[in-house]
Amino acid sequence: MLVSELFIFTRGVLGVESYDSKTVKSLADLFHWSIWRKLDLRNCAHQACIGIRANHLSGDCHYKRELLRDFMKIRGHEQECMRRKVMGSLSVNPFCSETAAKDAMETVWDICYNDTKPFDRAP
């Protein structure tokens, strides 16, 4: 029997809205692992896509959260935040050099950013 577990770590959670974001992000990760049987985290593009989708669907890069983190731009703050978080995640993957990580992220960006499954739309 296969048992899936969801753990939500609340360190750094700033309130209900942030908790909701972390929950959606965790659910998106669970969705990736349950649906994408051939997920390979040695593949920079796979990991980049997970990061793009999780950050986009969770709303973690919403301007209110970015303002609380002292990151704010009038335009493009969400995508800049998502790129920063994805590159941070890829930077600790020993299979992804900085160049490979950036190339992978740019290659999958449009497809993964616009993929909102299992939701109808991003928040």
PDB file of N, CA and C in Angstrom:
ATOM      1  N   MET A   1       0.842  -1.181   0.000  1.00  0.00           N
ATOM      2  CA  MET A   1       0.000   0.000   0.000  1.00  0.00           C
ATOM      3  C   MET A   1       0.888   1.244   0.000  1.00  0.00           C
ATOM      4  N   LEU A   2       0.580   2.188  -0.885  1.00  0.00           N
ATOM      5  CA  LEU A   2       1.329   3.434  -0.985  1.00  0.00           C
ATOM      6  C   LEU A   2       0.662   4.485  -0.111  1.00  0.00           C
ATOM      7  N   VAL A   3       1.421   5.086   0.780  1.00  0.00           N
ATOM      8  CA  VAL A   3       0.884   6.109   1.657  1.00  0.00           C
ATOM      9  C   VAL A   3       1.576   7.423   1.327  1.00  0.00           C
ATOM     10  N   SER A   4       0.780   8.431   1.051  1.00  0.00           N
ATOM     11  CA  SER A   4       1.328   9.772   0.800  1.00  0.00           C
ATOM     12  C   SER A   4       1.127  10.601   2.057  1.00  0.00           C
ATOM     13  N   GLU A   5       2.153  11.331   2.423  1.00  0.00           N
ATOM     14  CA  GLU A   5       2.068  12.178   3.599  1.00  0.00           C
ATOM     15  C   GLU A   5       2.406  13.595   3.209  1.00  0.00           C
ATOM     16  N   LEU A   6       1.781  14.536   3.842  1.00  0.00           N
ATOM     17  CA  LEU A   6       2.006  15.943   3.593  1.00  0.00           C
ATOM     18  C   LEU A   6       2.471  16.579   4.887  1.00  0.00           C
ATOM     19  N   PHE A   7       3.672  17.133   4.885  1.00  0.00           N
ATOM     20  CA  PHE A   7       4.206  17.826   6.041  1.00  0.00           C
ATOM     21  C   PHE A   7       4.307  19.305   5.695  1.00  0.00           C
ATOM     22  N   ILE A   8       3.814  20.147   6.557  1.00  0.00           N
ATOM     23  CA  ILE A   8       3.893  21.581   6.346  1.00  0.00           C
ATOM     24  C   ILE A   8       4.711  22.165   7.488  1.00  0.00           C
ATOM     25  N   PHE A   9       5.838  22.765   7.142  1.00  0.00           N
ATOM     26  CA  PHE A   9       6.708  23.371   8.135  1.00  0.00           C
ATOM     27  C   PHE A   9       6.338  24.839   8.252  1.00  0.00           C
ATOM     28  N   THR A  10       6.076  25.302   9.444  1.00  0.00           N
ATOM     29  CA  THR A  10       5.539  26.645   9.635  1.00  0.00           C
ATOM     30  C   THR A  10       6.577  27.672  10.076  1.00  0.00           C
ATOM     31  N   ARG A  11       7.832  27.332  10.035  1.00  0.00           N
ATOM     32  CA  ARG A  11       8.864  28.299  10.392  1.00  0.00           C
ATOM     33  C   ARG A  11       8.802  29.470   9.422  1.00  0.00           C
ATOM     34  N   GLY A  12       8.716  30.667   9.913  1.00  0.00           N
ATOM     35  CA  GLY A  12       8.680  31.845   9.066  1.00  0.00           C
ATOM     36  C   GLY A  12       7.302  32.191   8.532  1.00  0.00           C
ATOM     37  N   VAL A  13       6.273  31.501   8.980  1.00  0.00           N
ATOM     38  CA  VAL A  13       4.913  31.798   8.525  1.00  0.00           C
ATOM     39  C   VAL A  13       4.447  33.068   9.220  1.00  0.00           C
ATOM     40  N   LEU A  14       3.916  34.018   8.420  1.00  0.00           N
ATOM     41  CA  LEU A  14       3.562  35.327   8.941  1.00  0.00           C
ATOM     42  C   LEU A  14       2.067  35.509   9.189  1.00  0.00           C
ATOM     43  N   GLY A  15       1.280  34.483   9.100  1.00  0.00           N
ATOM     44  CA  GLY A  15      -0.153  34.604   9.326  1.00  0.00           C
ATOM     45  C   GLY A  15      -0.926  33.602   8.493  1.00  0.00           C
ATOM     46  N   VAL A  16      -2.244  33.719   8.516  1.00  0.00           N
ATOM     47  CA  VAL A  16      -3.108  32.769   7.824  1.00  0.00           C
ATOM     48  C   VAL A  16      -2.837  32.775   6.323  1.00  0.00           C
ATOM     49  N   GLU A  17      -2.673  33.951   5.741  1.00  0.00           N
ATOM     50  CA  GLU A  17      -2.433  34.043   4.299  1.00  0.00           C
ATOM     51  C   GLU A  17      -1.144  33.323   3.903  1.00  0.00           C
ATOM     52  N   SER A  18      -0.107  33.495   4.702  1.00  0.00           N
ATOM     53  CA  SER A  18       1.159  32.823   4.442  1.00  0.00           C
ATOM     54  C   SER A  18       1.022  31.316   4.651  1.00  0.00           C
ATOM     55  N   TYR A  19       0.263  30.920   5.672  1.00  0.00           N
ATOM     56  CA  TYR A  19       0.030  29.495   5.925  1.00  0.00           C
ATOM     57  C   TYR A  19      -0.700  28.871   4.737  1.00  0.00           C
ATOM     58  N   ASP A  20      -1.701  29.579   4.203  1.00  0.00           N
ATOM     59  CA  ASP A  20      -2.425  29.097   3.022  1.00  0.00           C
ATOM     60  C   ASP A  20      -1.474  28.908   1.850  1.00  0.00           C
ATOM     61  N   SER A  21      -0.562  29.847   1.670  1.00  0.00           N
ATOM     62  CA  SER A  21       0.419  29.771   0.589  1.00  0.00           C
ATOM     63  C   SER A  21       1.300  28.541   0.744  1.00  0.00           C
ATOM     64  N   LYS A  22       1.763  28.296   1.968  1.00  0.00           N
ATOM     65  CA  LYS A  22       2.619  27.129   2.222  1.00  0.00           C
ATOM     66  C   LYS A  22       1.847  25.835   1.990  1.00  0.00           C
ATOM     67  N   THR A  23       0.561  25.830   2.348  1.00  0.00           N
ATOM     68  CA  THR A  23      -0.268  24.644   2.148  1.00  0.00           C
ATOM     69  C   THR A  23      -0.426  24.353   0.664  1.00  0.00           C
ATOM     70  N   VAL A  24      -0.737  25.375  -0.122  1.00  0.00           N
ATOM     71  CA  VAL A  24      -0.898  25.187  -1.569  1.00  0.00           C
ATOM     72  C   VAL A  24       0.412  24.740  -2.191  1.00  0.00           C
ATOM     73  N   LYS A  25       1.515  25.315  -1.751  1.00  0.00           N
ATOM     74  CA  LYS A  25       2.829  24.932  -2.280  1.00  0.00           C
ATOM     75  C   LYS A  25       3.104  23.456  -1.979  1.00  0.00           C
ATOM     76  N   SER A  26       2.783  23.020  -0.772  1.00  0.00           N
ATOM     77  CA  SER A  26       2.992  21.620  -0.391  1.00  0.00           C
ATOM     78  C   SER A  26       2.074  20.692  -1.179  1.00  0.00           C
ATOM     79  N   LEU A  27       0.838  21.117  -1.402  1.00  0.00           N
ATOM     80  CA  LEU A  27      -0.086  20.316  -2.199  1.00  0.00           C
ATOM     81  C   LEU A  27       0.379  20.210  -3.651  1.00  0.00           C
ATOM     82  N   ALA A  28       0.944  21.297  -4.181  1.00  0.00           N
ATOM     83  CA  ALA A  28       1.477  21.257  -5.541  1.00  0.00           C
ATOM     84  C   ALA A  28       2.631  20.259  -5.621  1.00  0.00           C
ATOM     85  N   ASP A  29       3.494  20.247  -4.607  1.00  0.00           N
ATOM     86  CA  ASP A  29       4.597  19.269  -4.585  1.00  0.00           C
ATOM     87  C   ASP A  29       4.063  17.840  -4.526  1.00  0.00           C
ATOM     88  N   LEU A  30       3.061  17.615  -3.700  1.00  0.00           N
ATOM     89  CA  LEU A  30       2.449  16.297  -3.600  1.00  0.00           C
ATOM     90  C   LEU A  30       1.846  15.879  -4.944  1.00  0.00           C
ATOM     91  N   PHE A  31       1.202  16.823  -5.624  1.00  0.00           N
ATOM     92  CA  PHE A  31       0.643  16.565  -6.950  1.00  0.00           C
ATOM     93  C   PHE A  31       1.743  16.147  -7.923  1.00  0.00           C
ATOM     94  N   HIS A  32       2.870  16.865  -7.900  1.00  0.00           N
ATOM     95  CA  HIS A  32       3.979  16.534  -8.808  1.00  0.00           C
ATOM     96  C   HIS A  32       4.458  15.101  -8.594  1.00  0.00           C
ATOM     97  N   TRP A  33       4.646  14.735  -7.327  1.00  0.00           N
ATOM     98  CA  TRP A  33       5.164  13.399  -7.034  1.00  0.00           C
ATOM     99  C   TRP A  33       4.155  12.298  -7.330  1.00  0.00           C
ATOM    100  N   SER A  34       2.867  12.589  -7.211  1.00  0.00           N
ATOM    101  CA  SER A  34       1.873  11.546  -7.451  1.00  0.00           C
ATOM    102  C   SER A  34       1.521  11.391  -8.927  1.00  0.00           C
ATOM    103  N   ILE A  35       1.615  12.446  -9.698  1.00  0.00           N
ATOM    104  CA  ILE A  35       1.223  12.403 -11.106  1.00  0.00           C
ATOM    105  C   ILE A  35       2.427  12.149 -12.020  1.00  0.00           C
ATOM    106  N   TRP A  36       3.520  12.808 -11.734  1.00  0.00           N
ATOM    107  CA  TRP A  36       4.682  12.729 -12.612  1.00  0.00           C
ATOM    108  C   TRP A  36       5.571  11.576 -12.163  1.00  0.00           C
ATOM    109  N   ARG A  37       5.267  10.402 -12.601  1.00  0.00           N
ATOM    110  CA  ARG A  37       5.997   9.202 -12.181  1.00  0.00           C
ATOM    111  C   ARG A  37       7.467   9.228 -12.604  1.00  0.00           C
ATOM    112  N   LYS A  38       7.756   9.930 -13.684  1.00  0.00           N
ATOM    113  CA  LYS A  38       9.127   9.943 -14.198  1.00  0.00           C
ATOM    114  C   LYS A  38       9.886  11.200 -13.775  1.00  0.00           C
ATOM    115  N   LEU A  39       9.464  11.805 -12.687  1.00  0.00           N
ATOM    116  CA  LEU A  39      10.123  13.003 -12.184  1.00  0.00           C
ATOM    117  C   LEU A  39      11.550  12.666 -11.771  1.00  0.00           C
ATOM    118  N   ASP A  40      12.492  13.420 -12.294  1.00  0.00           N
ATOM    119  CA  ASP A  40      13.911  13.172 -12.029  1.00  0.00           C
ATOM    120  C   ASP A  40      14.548  14.477 -11.573  1.00  0.00           C
ATOM    121  N   LEU A  41      14.861  14.587 -10.292  1.00  0.00           N
ATOM    122  CA  LEU A  41      15.422  15.833  -9.774  1.00  0.00           C
ATOM    123  C   LEU A  41      16.876  16.049 -10.188  1.00  0.00           C
ATOM    124  N   ARG A  42      17.470  15.068 -10.873  1.00  0.00           N
ATOM    125  CA  ARG A  42      18.784  15.303 -11.469  1.00  0.00           C
ATOM    126  C   ARG A  42      18.637  16.092 -12.758  1.00  0.00           C
ATOM    127  N   ASN A  43      17.407  16.155 -13.263  1.00  0.00           N
ATOM    128  CA  ASN A  43      17.106  16.911 -14.473  1.00  0.00           C
ATOM    129  C   ASN A  43      16.733  18.338 -14.051  1.00  0.00           C
ATOM    130  N   CYS A  44      17.561  19.298 -14.407  1.00  0.00           N
ATOM    131  CA  CYS A  44      17.351  20.691 -13.986  1.00  0.00           C
ATOM    132  C   CYS A  44      16.003  21.224 -14.464  1.00  0.00           C
ATOM    133  N   ALA A  45      15.569  20.831 -15.639  1.00  0.00           N
ATOM    134  CA  ALA A  45      14.288  21.305 -16.175  1.00  0.00           C
ATOM    135  C   ALA A  45      13.117  20.799 -15.338  1.00  0.00           C
ATOM    136  N   HIS A  46      13.185  19.556 -14.867  1.00  0.00           N
ATOM    137  CA  HIS A  46      12.117  19.022 -14.017  1.00  0.00           C
ATOM    138  C   HIS A  46      12.029  19.830 -12.719  1.00  0.00           C
ATOM    139  N   GLN A  47      13.167  20.051 -12.091  1.00  0.00           N
ATOM    140  CA  GLN A  47      13.169  20.792 -10.830  1.00  0.00           C
ATOM    141  C   GLN A  47      12.747  22.238 -11.051  1.00  0.00           C
ATOM    142  N   ALA A  48      13.181  22.843 -12.150  1.00  0.00           N
ATOM    143  CA  ALA A  48      12.786  24.224 -12.449  1.00  0.00           C
ATOM    144  C   ALA A  48      11.277  24.320 -12.624  1.00  0.00           C
ATOM    145  N   CYS A  49      10.694  23.368 -13.314  1.00  0.00           N
ATOM    146  CA  CYS A  49       9.248  23.368 -13.543  1.00  0.00           C
ATOM    147  C   CYS A  49       8.482  23.234 -12.227  1.00  0.00           C
ATOM    148  N   ILE A  50       8.942  22.371 -11.357  1.00  0.00           N
ATOM    149  CA  ILE A  50       8.302  22.219 -10.045  1.00  0.00           C
ATOM    150  C   ILE A  50       8.332  23.552  -9.300  1.00  0.00           C
ATOM    151  N   GLY A  51       9.491  24.203  -9.308  1.00  0.00           N
ATOM    152  CA  GLY A  51       9.626  25.482  -8.608  1.00  0.00           C
ATOM    153  C   GLY A  51       8.756  26.571  -9.208  1.00  0.00           C
ATOM    154  N   ILE A  52       8.707  26.643 -10.525  1.00  0.00           N
ATOM    155  CA  ILE A  52       7.887  27.657 -11.198  1.00  0.00           C
ATOM    156  C   ILE A  52       6.416  27.448 -10.837  1.00  0.00           C
ATOM    157  N   ARG A  53       5.953  26.214 -10.984  1.00  0.00           N
ATOM    158  CA  ARG A  53       4.541  25.916 -10.709  1.00  0.00           C
ATOM    159  C   ARG A  53       4.200  26.148  -9.233  1.00  0.00           C
ATOM    160  N   ALA A  54       5.018  25.657  -8.342  1.00  0.00           N
ATOM    161  CA  ALA A  54       4.731  25.779  -6.907  1.00  0.00           C
ATOM    162  C   ALA A  54       4.681  27.246  -6.482  1.00  0.00           C
ATOM    163  N   ASN A  55       5.633  28.039  -6.940  1.00  0.00           N
ATOM    164  CA  ASN A  55       5.650  29.454  -6.552  1.00  0.00           C
ATOM    165  C   ASN A  55       4.504  30.229  -7.196  1.00  0.00           C
ATOM    166  N   HIS A  56       4.166  29.886  -8.428  1.00  0.00           N
ATOM    167  CA  HIS A  56       3.067  30.574  -9.117  1.00  0.00           C
ATOM    168  C   HIS A  56       1.714  30.204  -8.500  1.00  0.00           C
ATOM    169  N   LEU A  57       1.492  28.921  -8.270  1.00  0.00           N
ATOM    170  CA  LEU A  57       0.195  28.471  -7.767  1.00  0.00           C
ATOM    171  C   LEU A  57      -0.037  28.832  -6.303  1.00  0.00           C
ATOM    172  N   SER A  58       1.026  28.945  -5.535  1.00  0.00           N
ATOM    173  CA  SER A  58       0.876  29.244  -4.104  1.00  0.00           C
ATOM    174  C   SER A  58       0.643  30.727  -3.841  1.00  0.00           C
ATOM    175  N   GLY A  59       0.977  31.565  -4.797  1.00  0.00           N
ATOM    176  CA  GLY A  59       0.862  33.002  -4.564  1.00  0.00           C
ATOM    177  C   GLY A  59       1.955  33.521  -3.649  1.00  0.00           C
ATOM    178  N   ASP A  60       2.990  32.730  -3.438  1.00  0.00           N
ATOM    179  CA  ASP A  60       4.069  33.100  -2.523  1.00  0.00           C
ATOM    180  C   ASP A  60       4.798  34.357  -2.971  1.00  0.00           C
ATOM    181  N   CYS A  61       4.714  34.676  -4.244  1.00  0.00           N
ATOM    182  CA  CYS A  61       5.406  35.865  -4.766  1.00  0.00           C
ATOM    183  C   CYS A  61       4.457  37.045  -4.969  1.00  0.00           C
ATOM    184  N   HIS A  62       3.308  37.002  -4.299  1.00  0.00           N
ATOM    185  CA  HIS A  62       2.356  38.106  -4.360  1.00  0.00           C
ATOM    186  C   HIS A  62       3.044  39.375  -3.843  1.00  0.00           C
ATOM    187  N   TYR A  63       2.647  40.532  -4.362  1.00  0.00           N
ATOM    188  CA  TYR A  63       3.349  41.766  -4.007  1.00  0.00           C
ATOM    189  C   TYR A  63       3.327  42.053  -2.508  1.00  0.00           C
ATOM    190  N   LYS A  64       2.273  41.658  -1.783  1.00  0.00           N
ATOM    191  CA  LYS A  64       2.229  41.884  -0.331  1.00  0.00           C
ATOM    192  C   LYS A  64       3.342  41.124   0.375  1.00  0.00           C
ATOM    193  N   ARG A  65       3.546  39.878  -0.028  1.00  0.00           N
ATOM    194  CA  ARG A  65       4.600  39.073   0.596  1.00  0.00           C
ATOM    195  C   ARG A  65       5.980  39.607   0.222  1.00  0.00           C
ATOM    196  N   GLU A  66       6.117  40.031  -1.008  1.00  0.00           N
ATOM    197  CA  GLU A  66       7.398  40.594  -1.447  1.00  0.00           C
ATOM    198  C   GLU A  66       7.710  41.887  -0.696  1.00  0.00           C
ATOM    199  N   LEU A  67       6.704  42.693  -0.452  1.00  0.00           N
ATOM    200  CA  LEU A  67       6.893  43.929   0.305  1.00  0.00           C
ATOM    201  C   LEU A  67       7.385  43.616   1.723  1.00  0.00           C
ATOM    202  N   LEU A  68       6.815  42.584   2.354  1.00  0.00           N
ATOM    203  CA  LEU A  68       7.252  42.177   3.690  1.00  0.00           C
ATOM    204  C   LEU A  68       8.685  41.652   3.691  1.00  0.00           C
ATOM    205  N   ARG A  69       9.140  41.155   2.544  1.00  0.00           N
ATOM    206  CA  ARG A  69      10.518  40.655   2.410  1.00  0.00           C
ATOM    207  C   ARG A  69      11.484  41.737   1.944  1.00  0.00           C
ATOM    208  N   ASP A  70      10.990  42.963   1.818  1.00  0.00           N
ATOM    209  CA  ASP A  70      11.778  44.104   1.325  1.00  0.00           C
ATOM    210  C   ASP A  70      12.195  43.957  -0.128  1.00  0.00           C
ATOM    211  N   PHE A  71      11.397  43.256  -0.912  1.00  0.00           N
ATOM    212  CA  PHE A  71      11.594  43.180  -2.352  1.00  0.00           C
ATOM    213  C   PHE A  71      10.367  43.816  -2.981  1.00  0.00           C
ATOM    214  N   MET A  72      10.551  44.865  -3.743  1.00  0.00           N
ATOM    215  CA  MET A  72       9.383  45.449  -4.383  1.00  0.00           C
ATOM    216  C   MET A  72       9.766  46.176  -5.652  1.00  0.00           C
ATOM    217  N   LYS A  73       9.028  45.865  -6.675  1.00  0.00           N
ATOM    218  CA  LYS A  73       9.124  46.566  -7.951  1.00  0.00           C
ATOM    219  C   LYS A  73       7.697  46.879  -8.366  1.00  0.00           C
ATOM    220  N   ILE A  74       7.527  47.909  -9.151  1.00  0.00           N
ATOM    221  CA  ILE A  74       6.193  48.261  -9.622  1.00  0.00           C
ATOM    222  C   ILE A  74       5.703  47.224 -10.633  1.00  0.00           C
ATOM    223  N   ARG A  75       6.566  46.816 -11.535  1.00  0.00           N
ATOM    224  CA  ARG A  75       6.181  45.844 -12.557  1.00  0.00           C
ATOM    225  C   ARG A  75       7.119  44.640 -12.529  1.00  0.00           C
ATOM    226  N   GLY A  76       6.550  43.486 -12.751  1.00  0.00           N
ATOM    227  CA  GLY A  76       7.359  42.279 -12.882  1.00  0.00           C
ATOM    228  C   GLY A  76       7.853  41.675 -11.590  1.00  0.00           C
ATOM    229  N   HIS A  77       7.303  42.119 -10.449  1.00  0.00           N
ATOM    230  CA  HIS A  77       7.809  41.600  -9.176  1.00  0.00           C
ATOM    231  C   HIS A  77       7.534  40.108  -9.012  1.00  0.00           C
ATOM    232  N   GLU A  78       6.371  39.643  -9.478  1.00  0.00           N
ATOM    233  CA  GLU A  78       6.027  38.230  -9.286  1.00  0.00           C
ATOM    234  C   GLU A  78       6.999  37.316 -10.035  1.00  0.00           C
ATOM    235  N   GLN A  79       7.230  37.611 -11.296  1.00  0.00           N
ATOM    236  CA  GLN A  79       8.121  36.750 -12.072  1.00  0.00           C
ATOM    237  C   GLN A  79       9.564  36.866 -11.599  1.00  0.00           C
ATOM    238  N   GLU A  80       9.971  38.056 -11.185  1.00  0.00           N
ATOM    239  CA  GLU A  80      11.331  38.208 -10.656  1.00  0.00           C
ATOM    240  C   GLU A  80      11.490  37.391  -9.373  1.00  0.00           C
ATOM    241  N   CYS A  81      10.484  37.420  -8.512  1.00  0.00           N
ATOM    242  CA  CYS A  81      10.497  36.631  -7.273  1.00  0.00           C
ATOM    243  C   CYS A  81      10.573  35.141  -7.598  1.00  0.00           C
ATOM    244  N   MET A  82       9.747  34.711  -8.534  1.00  0.00           N
ATOM    245  CA  MET A  82       9.723  33.291  -8.897  1.00  0.00           C
ATOM    246  C   MET A  82      11.075  32.861  -9.454  1.00  0.00           C
ATOM    247  N   ARG A  83      11.662  33.676 -10.311  1.00  0.00           N
ATOM    248  CA  ARG A  83      12.986  33.353 -10.878  1.00  0.00           C
ATOM    249  C   ARG A  83      14.032  33.268  -9.768  1.00  0.00           C
ATOM    250  N   ARG A  84      13.976  34.200  -8.815  1.00  0.00           N
ATOM    251  CA  ARG A  84      14.929  34.211  -7.696  1.00  0.00           C
ATOM    252  C   ARG A  84      14.793  32.926  -6.874  1.00  0.00           C
ATOM    253  N   LYS A  85      13.549  32.525  -6.595  1.00  0.00           N
ATOM    254  CA  LYS A  85      13.323  31.329  -5.780  1.00  0.00           C
ATOM    255  C   LYS A  85      13.710  30.052  -6.523  1.00  0.00           C
ATOM    256  N   VAL A  86      13.385  29.989  -7.810  1.00  0.00           N
ATOM    257  CA  VAL A  86      13.740  28.808  -8.605  1.00  0.00           C
ATOM    258  C   VAL A  86      15.255  28.686  -8.708  1.00  0.00           C
ATOM    259  N   MET A  87      15.937  29.779  -8.979  1.00  0.00           N
ATOM    260  CA  MET A  87      17.401  29.725  -9.077  1.00  0.00           C
ATOM    261  C   MET A  87      18.022  29.359  -7.731  1.00  0.00           C
ATOM    262  N   GLY A  88      17.429  29.825  -6.635  1.00  0.00           N
ATOM    263  CA  GLY A  88      17.916  29.447  -5.305  1.00  0.00           C
ATOM    264  C   GLY A  88      17.780  27.952  -5.070  1.00  0.00           C
ATOM    265  N   SER A  89      16.668  27.394  -5.504  1.00  0.00           N
ATOM    266  CA  SER A  89      16.443  25.958  -5.359  1.00  0.00           C
ATOM    267  C   SER A  89      17.405  25.156  -6.234  1.00  0.00           C
ATOM    268  N   LEU A  90      17.581  25.606  -7.463  1.00  0.00           N
ATOM    269  CA  LEU A  90      18.475  24.893  -8.388  1.00  0.00           C
ATOM    270  C   LEU A  90      19.942  25.015  -7.986  1.00  0.00           C
ATOM    271  N   SER A  91      20.284  26.092  -7.288  1.00  0.00           N
ATOM    272  CA  SER A  91      21.690  26.312  -6.926  1.00  0.00           C
ATOM    273  C   SER A  91      22.216  25.269  -5.945  1.00  0.00           C
ATOM    274  N   VAL A  92      21.322  24.613  -5.202  1.00  0.00           N
ATOM    275  CA  VAL A  92      21.771  23.585  -4.256  1.00  0.00           C
ATOM    276  C   VAL A  92      21.718  22.185  -4.865  1.00  0.00           C
ATOM    277  N   ASN A  93      21.299  22.090  -6.110  1.00  0.00           N
ATOM    278  CA  ASN A  93      21.264  20.796  -6.790  1.00  0.00           C
ATOM    279  C   ASN A  93      22.633  20.545  -7.423  1.00  0.00           C
ATOM    280  N   PRO A  94      23.359  19.527  -6.985  1.00  0.00           N
ATOM    281  CA  PRO A  94      24.707  19.292  -7.514  1.00  0.00           C
ATOM    282  C   PRO A  94      24.716  18.918  -9.004  1.00  0.00           C
ATOM    283  N   PHE A  95      23.558  18.575  -9.558  1.00  0.00           N
ATOM    284  CA  PHE A  95      23.489  18.219 -10.974  1.00  0.00           C
ATOM    285  C   PHE A  95      23.223  19.423 -11.863  1.00  0.00           C
ATOM    286  N   CYS A  96      23.030  20.599 -11.271  1.00  0.00           N
ATOM    287  CA  CYS A  96      22.689  21.796 -12.046  1.00  0.00           C
ATOM    288  C   CYS A  96      23.721  22.894 -11.827  1.00  0.00           C
ATOM    289  N   SER A  97      24.552  23.124 -12.822  1.00  0.00           N
ATOM    290  CA  SER A  97      25.460  24.271 -12.752  1.00  0.00           C
ATOM    291  C   SER A  97      24.615  25.536 -12.899  1.00  0.00           C
ATOM    292  N   GLU A  98      25.198  26.685 -12.612  1.00  0.00           N
ATOM    293  CA  GLU A  98      24.443  27.933 -12.715  1.00  0.00           C
ATOM    294  C   GLU A  98      23.927  28.155 -14.144  1.00  0.00           C
ATOM    295  N   THR A  99      24.762  27.875 -15.118  1.00  0.00           N
ATOM    296  CA  THR A  99      24.366  28.046 -16.521  1.00  0.00           C
ATOM    297  C   THR A  99      23.273  27.061 -16.906  1.00  0.00           C
ATOM    298  N   ALA A 100      23.440  25.797 -16.514  1.00  0.00           N
ATOM    299  CA  ALA A 100      22.430  24.779 -16.825  1.00  0.00           C
ATOM    300  C   ALA A 100      21.102  25.110 -16.147  1.00  0.00           C
ATOM    301  N   ALA A 101      21.169  25.610 -14.913  1.00  0.00           N
ATOM    302  CA  ALA A 101      19.960  25.960 -14.175  1.00  0.00           C
ATOM    303  C   ALA A 101      19.215  27.093 -14.864  1.00  0.00           C
ATOM    304  N   LYS A 102      19.938  28.130 -15.233  1.00  0.00           N
ATOM    305  CA  LYS A 102      19.301  29.277 -15.902  1.00  0.00           C
ATOM    306  C   LYS A 102      18.708  28.865 -17.245  1.00  0.00           C
ATOM    307  N   ASP A 103      19.457  28.080 -18.019  1.00  0.00           N
ATOM    308  CA  ASP A 103      18.957  27.605 -19.320  1.00  0.00           C
ATOM    309  C   ASP A 103      17.709  26.743 -19.146  1.00  0.00           C
ATOM    310  N   ALA A 104      17.722  25.860 -18.161  1.00  0.00           N
ATOM    311  CA  ALA A 104      16.573  24.979 -17.913  1.00  0.00           C
ATOM    312  C   ALA A 104      15.352  25.805 -17.524  1.00  0.00           C
ATOM    313  N   MET A 105      15.551  26.773 -16.641  1.00  0.00           N
ATOM    314  CA  MET A 105      14.443  27.600 -16.190  1.00  0.00           C
ATOM    315  C   MET A 105      13.829  28.374 -17.358  1.00  0.00           C
ATOM    316  N   GLU A 106      14.666  28.959 -18.183  1.00  0.00           N
ATOM    317  CA  GLU A 106      14.168  29.731 -19.332  1.00  0.00           C
ATOM    318  C   GLU A 106      13.464  28.831 -20.342  1.00  0.00           C
ATOM    319  N   THR A 107      13.963  27.615 -20.517  1.00  0.00           N
ATOM    320  CA  THR A 107      13.382  26.684 -21.488  1.00  0.00           C
ATOM    321  C   THR A 107      11.968  26.272 -21.093  1.00  0.00           C
ATOM    322  N   VAL A 108      11.745  26.011 -19.815  1.00  0.00           N
ATOM    323  CA  VAL A 108      10.443  25.499 -19.377  1.00  0.00           C
ATOM    324  C   VAL A 108       9.505  26.587 -18.846  1.00  0.00           C
ATOM    325  N   TRP A 109       9.970  27.817 -18.777  1.00  0.00           N
ATOM    326  CA  TRP A 109       9.214  28.887 -18.118  1.00  0.00           C
ATOM    327  C   TRP A 109       7.775  28.998 -18.621  1.00  0.00           C
ATOM    328  N   ASP A 110       7.571  29.216 -19.904  1.00  0.00           N
ATOM    329  CA  ASP A 110       6.219  29.456 -20.432  1.00  0.00           C
ATOM    330  C   ASP A 110       5.285  28.279 -20.197  1.00  0.00           C
ATOM    331  N   ILE A 111       5.777  27.085 -20.463  1.00  0.00           N
ATOM    332  CA  ILE A 111       4.933  25.898 -20.299  1.00  0.00           C
ATOM    333  C   ILE A 111       4.544  25.717 -18.831  1.00  0.00           C
ATOM    334  N   CYS A 112       5.505  25.812 -17.943  1.00  0.00           N
ATOM    335  CA  CYS A 112       5.251  25.546 -16.525  1.00  0.00           C
ATOM    336  C   CYS A 112       4.493  26.689 -15.851  1.00  0.00           C
ATOM    337  N   TYR A 113       4.769  27.914 -16.244  1.00  0.00           N
ATOM    338  CA  TYR A 113       4.077  29.071 -15.670  1.00  0.00           C
ATOM    339  C   TYR A 113       2.583  29.019 -15.999  1.00  0.00           C
ATOM    340  N   ASN A 114       2.254  28.575 -17.192  1.00  0.00           N
ATOM    341  CA  ASN A 114       0.856  28.540 -17.635  1.00  0.00           C
ATOM    342  C   ASN A 114       0.125  27.255 -17.262  1.00  0.00           C
ATOM    343  N   ASP A 115       0.832  26.282 -16.700  1.00  0.00           N
ATOM    344  CA  ASP A 115       0.215  25.020 -16.287  1.00  0.00           C
ATOM    345  C   ASP A 115      -0.298  25.176 -14.855  1.00  0.00           C
ATOM    346  N   THR A 116      -1.598  25.172 -14.690  1.00  0.00           N
ATOM    347  CA  THR A 116      -2.190  25.387 -13.359  1.00  0.00           C
ATOM    348  C   THR A 116      -2.817  24.120 -12.777  1.00  0.00           C
ATOM    349  N   LYS A 117      -2.609  22.966 -13.382  1.00  0.00           N
ATOM    350  CA  LYS A 117      -3.196  21.724 -12.860  1.00  0.00           C
ATOM    351  C   LYS A 117      -2.683  21.465 -11.447  1.00  0.00           C
ATOM    352  N   PRO A 118      -3.467  21.031 -10.534  1.00  0.00           N
ATOM    353  CA  PRO A 118      -4.847  20.576 -10.615  1.00  0.00           C
ATOM    354  C   PRO A 118      -5.869  21.695 -10.421  1.00  0.00           C
ATOM    355  N   PHE A 119      -5.432  22.957 -10.377  1.00  0.00           N
ATOM    356  CA  PHE A 119      -6.329  24.093 -10.176  1.00  0.00           C
ATOM    357  C   PHE A 119      -6.806  24.628 -11.524  1.00  0.00           C
ATOM    358  N   ASP A 120      -7.901  25.361 -11.484  1.00  0.00           N
ATOM    359  CA  ASP A 120      -8.421  25.975 -12.708  1.00  0.00           C
ATOM    360  C   ASP A 120      -7.576  27.166 -13.129  1.00  0.00           C
ATOM    361  N   ARG A 121      -7.050  27.867 -12.134  1.00  0.00           N
ATOM    362  CA  ARG A 121      -6.244  29.062 -12.401  1.00  0.00           C
ATOM    363  C   ARG A 121      -5.316  29.322 -11.216  1.00  0.00           C
ATOM    364  N   ALA A 122      -4.327  30.151 -11.457  1.00  0.00           N
ATOM    365  CA  ALA A 122      -3.443  30.556 -10.364  1.00  0.00           C
ATOM    366  C   ALA A 122      -4.155  31.637  -9.551  1.00  0.00           C
ATOM    367  N   PRO A 123      -3.827  31.754  -8.276  1.00  0.00           N
ATOM    368  CA  PRO A 123      -4.518  32.764  -7.435  1.00  0.00           C
ATOM    369  C   PRO A 123      -4.196  34.184  -7.875  1.00  0.00           C
TER     370      PRO A 123
END
